[in-house]
Amino acid sequence: MPTLQRSILHNAIGLALFALFTAGAIALVHHLTASRIEQQARRAQAGALLAIVPRRLHDNDILASTLRLPAIEALGLDKPADAYIARLKGHPTAIILPVIAPDGYSGAIRLLVGIERDGKILGVRVIENHETPGLGDRIELKKSNWVLSFDGKSLDNPGPSDWKVRKDGGDFDQFTGATITPRAVVGAVYGALRYFRQHRDALLTGNMQQLPSQ
């Protein structure tokens, strides 16, 4: 084989090996990073669950008491997700619903909405968002107490026309320079309350057959 052809062949083999090595390294880094991100998300979600439901309302392992929900448009879910049921002496006392506000300023906002069996909100926590730092990210509890304004609220408190931010004539504060984010969260929480009222018994008892198919 002529020297030039051997040189081209060697270079081609070298480039192919380098491409394979690079692709493998990227795949490995992606796998390790994705696994770490998933673990962090689970830890954050576990902490949020236990912060939402007070000890007086449960004696079960909430993390193990899951209800696999289908994709539910009213909750913003485009794929199945887990809800968590709190029980005291075997009786359901509350549920924590996974909720997505799809209309955040910088994309979808993932929430957990805890609702007591009487329809009152136990707590709301943001578990994932991409909102603007210093503005929209104030929906996070570590950034401000805004999300605590949902505690104790229900469909009737405030009334339906007040489930909006103040700029829209409602009862909830918005942030200076950032109205879209709190508006999205308020709307998503209200939607979760409506869904809970419509399907309370099925959700609390875990009777999936009573839930409408999406």
Protein backbone atom coordinates (compact mmCIF):
# COMPACT_ATOMS: atom_id res chain seq x y z
CA MET A 1 0.00 0.00 0.00
CA PRO A 2 1.41 3.41 -0.96
CA THR A 3 2.62 5.64 1.88
CA LEU A 4 -0.06 8.30 1.24
CA GLN A 5 -2.88 5.74 1.43
CA ARG A 6 -1.48 4.26 4.63
CA SER A 7 -1.28 7.74 6.13
CA ILE A 8 -4.90 8.51 5.18
CA LEU A 9 -6.05 5.15 6.57
CA HIS A 10 -4.19 5.69 9.86
CA ASN A 11 -5.66 9.17 10.21
CA ALA A 12 -9.17 7.88 9.48
CA ILE A 13 -8.82 5.12 12.09
CA GLY A 14 -7.46 7.62 14.59
CA LEU A 15 -10.35 10.00 14.01
CA ALA A 16 -12.87 7.17 14.31
CA LEU A 17 -11.37 5.99 17.61
CA PHE A 18 -11.29 9.56 18.90
CA ALA A 19 -14.97 10.04 17.95
CA LEU A 20 -15.93 6.79 19.69
CA PHE A 21 -14.00 7.78 22.82
CA THR A 22 -15.55 11.25 22.86
CA ALA A 23 -19.07 9.91 22.36
CA GLY A 24 -18.55 7.39 25.15
CA ALA A 25 -17.22 10.04 27.51
CA ILE A 26 -20.15 12.35 26.78
CA ALA A 27 -22.63 9.51 27.33
CA LEU A 28 -20.97 8.61 30.64
CA VAL A 29 -20.99 12.21 31.87
CA HIS A 30 -24.63 12.58 30.83
CA HIS A 31 -25.57 9.39 32.67
CA LEU A 32 -23.76 10.41 35.85
CA THR A 33 -25.14 13.95 35.72
CA ALA A 34 -28.71 12.81 35.04
CA SER A 35 -28.54 10.34 37.91
CA ARG A 36 -27.25 13.02 40.29
CA ILE A 37 -29.91 15.50 39.19
CA GLU A 38 -32.63 12.87 39.69
CA GLN A 39 -31.34 12.06 43.19
CA GLN A 40 -31.29 15.75 44.12
CA ALA A 41 -34.83 16.18 42.78
CA ARG A 42 -36.05 13.22 44.83
CA ARG A 43 -34.42 14.55 48.00
CA ALA A 44 -36.01 17.95 47.41
CA GLN A 45 -39.38 16.34 46.83
CA ALA A 46 -39.11 14.19 49.96
CA GLY A 47 -38.27 17.23 52.06
CA ALA A 48 -41.19 19.15 50.57
CA LEU A 49 -43.63 16.33 51.30
CA LEU A 50 -42.71 16.17 54.96
CA ALA A 51 -42.77 19.96 55.26
CA ILE A 52 -46.28 20.19 53.78
CA VAL A 53 -48.09 17.61 55.92
CA PRO A 54 -47.77 18.15 59.69
CA ARG A 55 -47.21 15.18 61.98
CA ARG A 56 -50.68 15.57 63.51
CA LEU A 57 -52.20 14.50 60.19
CA HIS A 58 -50.28 11.33 59.46
CA ASP A 59 -48.69 8.30 61.01
CA ASN A 60 -47.89 6.53 57.72
CA ASP A 61 -44.86 6.69 55.47
CA ILE A 62 -46.07 9.30 53.00
CA LEU A 63 -43.21 8.64 50.61
CA ALA A 64 -44.35 5.03 50.28
CA SER A 65 -48.08 5.84 50.06
CA THR A 66 -48.25 6.77 46.41
CA LEU A 67 -51.07 6.97 43.92
CA ARG A 68 -49.96 6.79 40.30
CA LEU A 69 -51.96 9.39 38.40
CA PRO A 70 -52.36 9.33 34.63
CA ALA A 71 -51.73 12.38 32.48
CA ILE A 72 -54.26 14.92 33.75
CA GLU A 73 -54.78 18.16 31.86
CA ALA A 74 -56.39 19.88 34.87
CA LEU A 75 -53.16 19.36 36.84
CA GLY A 76 -50.93 20.23 33.91
CA LEU A 77 -49.60 16.66 33.79
CA ASP A 78 -48.64 15.46 30.32
CA LYS A 79 -47.46 12.08 31.63
CA PRO A 80 -48.14 9.87 34.69
CA ALA A 81 -46.93 11.15 38.06
CA ASP A 82 -47.21 10.18 41.71
CA ALA A 83 -49.56 11.72 44.25
CA TYR A 84 -48.98 11.03 47.95
CA ILE A 85 -51.67 10.14 50.48
CA ALA A 86 -51.37 11.00 54.18
CA ARG A 87 -53.16 8.67 56.57
CA LEU A 88 -53.83 8.70 60.30
CA LYS A 89 -54.84 5.41 61.91
CA GLY A 90 -55.57 4.06 58.47
CA HIS A 91 -57.86 6.91 57.38
CA PRO A 92 -56.84 9.33 54.60
CA THR A 93 -56.38 12.86 55.90
CA ALA A 94 -54.74 14.66 53.00
CA ILE A 95 -53.21 14.27 49.58
CA ILE A 96 -50.24 15.91 47.92
CA LEU A 97 -50.84 16.40 44.22
CA PRO A 98 -48.14 16.84 41.59
CA VAL A 99 -49.03 19.94 39.60
CA ILE A 100 -47.39 21.68 36.66
CA ALA A 101 -47.95 25.31 35.75
CA PRO A 102 -47.06 25.24 32.03
CA ASP A 103 -47.17 28.99 31.55
CA GLY A 104 -44.30 30.29 33.67
CA TYR A 105 -42.19 33.11 32.28
CA SER A 106 -39.29 30.75 31.48
CA GLY A 107 -41.16 27.49 31.08
CA ALA A 108 -43.02 24.95 33.15
CA ILE A 109 -43.08 25.23 36.96
CA ARG A 110 -43.40 21.98 38.91
CA LEU A 111 -45.30 22.13 42.18
CA LEU A 112 -46.53 19.97 45.02
CA VAL A 113 -49.92 21.02 46.37
CA GLY A 114 -50.98 19.54 49.70
CA ILE A 115 -54.73 19.51 50.29
CA GLU A 116 -56.48 18.44 53.48
CA ARG A 117 -59.57 16.24 53.08
CA ASP A 118 -61.83 19.24 53.81
CA GLY A 119 -60.40 21.06 50.79
CA LYS A 120 -58.05 23.45 52.59
CA ILE A 121 -54.51 23.87 51.36
CA LEU A 122 -51.87 22.53 53.71
CA GLY A 123 -49.03 23.92 51.72
CA VAL A 124 -47.58 24.53 48.29
CA ARG A 125 -43.94 23.98 47.34
CA VAL A 126 -42.07 24.65 44.12
CA ILE A 127 -39.82 21.71 43.27
CA GLU A 128 -38.56 22.85 39.87
CA ASN A 129 -38.55 26.09 37.95
CA HIS A 130 -36.44 28.08 35.52
CA GLU A 131 -37.67 31.55 36.39
CA THR A 132 -35.51 34.65 36.38
CA PRO A 133 -33.16 34.80 39.40
CA GLY A 134 -34.06 37.64 41.72
CA LEU A 135 -37.52 38.07 40.18
CA GLY A 136 -39.66 35.05 39.30
CA ASP A 137 -37.68 32.64 41.45
CA ARG A 138 -39.20 34.26 44.53
CA ILE A 139 -41.86 31.57 44.27
CA GLU A 140 -39.28 29.36 46.00
CA LEU A 141 -39.60 29.27 49.77
CA LYS A 142 -35.86 29.75 50.22
CA LYS A 143 -36.13 33.04 48.31
CA SER A 144 -39.31 34.49 49.91
CA ASN A 145 -42.39 33.56 51.94
CA TRP A 146 -44.76 34.24 49.04
CA VAL A 147 -45.70 30.59 48.54
CA LEU A 148 -46.91 30.44 52.16
CA SER A 149 -49.78 32.75 51.22
CA PHE A 150 -51.64 29.66 49.96
CA ASP A 151 -51.73 28.01 53.39
CA GLY A 152 -55.29 27.58 54.66
CA LYS A 153 -56.85 28.76 51.40
CA SER A 154 -59.62 26.84 49.64
CA LEU A 155 -61.93 27.22 46.66
CA ASP A 156 -64.23 29.35 48.80
CA ASN A 157 -61.51 31.31 50.60
CA PRO A 158 -60.95 33.49 48.71
CA GLY A 159 -63.87 33.31 46.32
CA PRO A 160 -63.41 32.17 42.71
CA SER A 161 -63.06 35.71 41.36
CA ASP A 162 -60.20 36.40 43.80
CA TRP A 163 -57.99 33.50 42.74
CA LYS A 164 -55.78 35.88 40.78
CA VAL A 165 -52.85 38.17 41.44
CA ARG A 166 -53.70 41.68 42.61
CA LYS A 167 -52.78 43.17 39.24
CA ASP A 168 -55.66 41.13 37.77
CA GLY A 169 -58.05 42.10 40.57
CA GLY A 170 -57.34 39.10 42.78
CA ASP A 171 -56.15 38.34 46.30
CA PHE A 172 -52.54 37.27 45.72
CA ASP A 173 -49.48 39.48 45.56
CA GLN A 174 -47.32 39.59 42.48
CA PHE A 175 -43.64 40.47 42.38
CA THR A 176 -42.29 43.81 41.26
CA GLY A 177 -41.17 43.30 37.69
CA ALA A 178 -42.49 39.74 37.55
CA THR A 179 -46.22 39.12 37.27
CA ILE A 180 -46.29 36.18 34.86
CA THR A 181 -44.67 33.75 37.29
CA PRO A 182 -46.99 34.22 40.30
CA ARG A 183 -49.99 34.40 37.95
CA ALA A 184 -49.06 30.97 36.58
CA VAL A 185 -48.64 29.46 40.05
CA VAL A 186 -51.92 30.89 41.36
CA GLY A 187 -53.77 29.50 38.35
CA ALA A 188 -52.19 26.06 38.74
CA VAL A 189 -53.00 25.85 42.46
CA TYR A 190 -56.58 26.90 41.82
CA GLY A 191 -56.85 24.22 39.14
CA ALA A 192 -55.57 21.62 41.61
CA LEU A 193 -58.21 22.63 44.17
CA ARG A 194 -60.97 22.32 41.59
CA TYR A 195 -59.75 18.91 40.51
CA PHE A 196 -59.56 17.75 44.13
CA ARG A 197 -63.12 18.86 44.84
CA GLN A 198 -64.42 17.04 41.76
CA HIS A 199 -62.59 13.78 42.54
CA ARG A 200 -61.93 13.92 46.27
CA ASP A 201 -63.18 10.46 47.24
CA ALA A 202 -61.39 8.71 44.40
CA LEU A 203 -58.13 10.50 45.17
CA LEU A 204 -58.19 9.92 48.92
CA THR A 205 -59.13 6.26 48.63
CA GLY A 206 -56.86 5.62 45.67
CA ASN A 207 -59.75 4.36 43.53
CA MET A 208 -58.33 4.92 40.07
CA GLN A 209 -61.43 3.52 38.37
CA GLN A 210 -63.40 6.56 39.52
CA LEU A 211 -60.97 8.99 37.94
CA PRO A 212 -61.77 10.07 34.39
CA SER A 213 -59.37 8.91 31.68
CA GLN A 214 -57.39 11.65 30.06
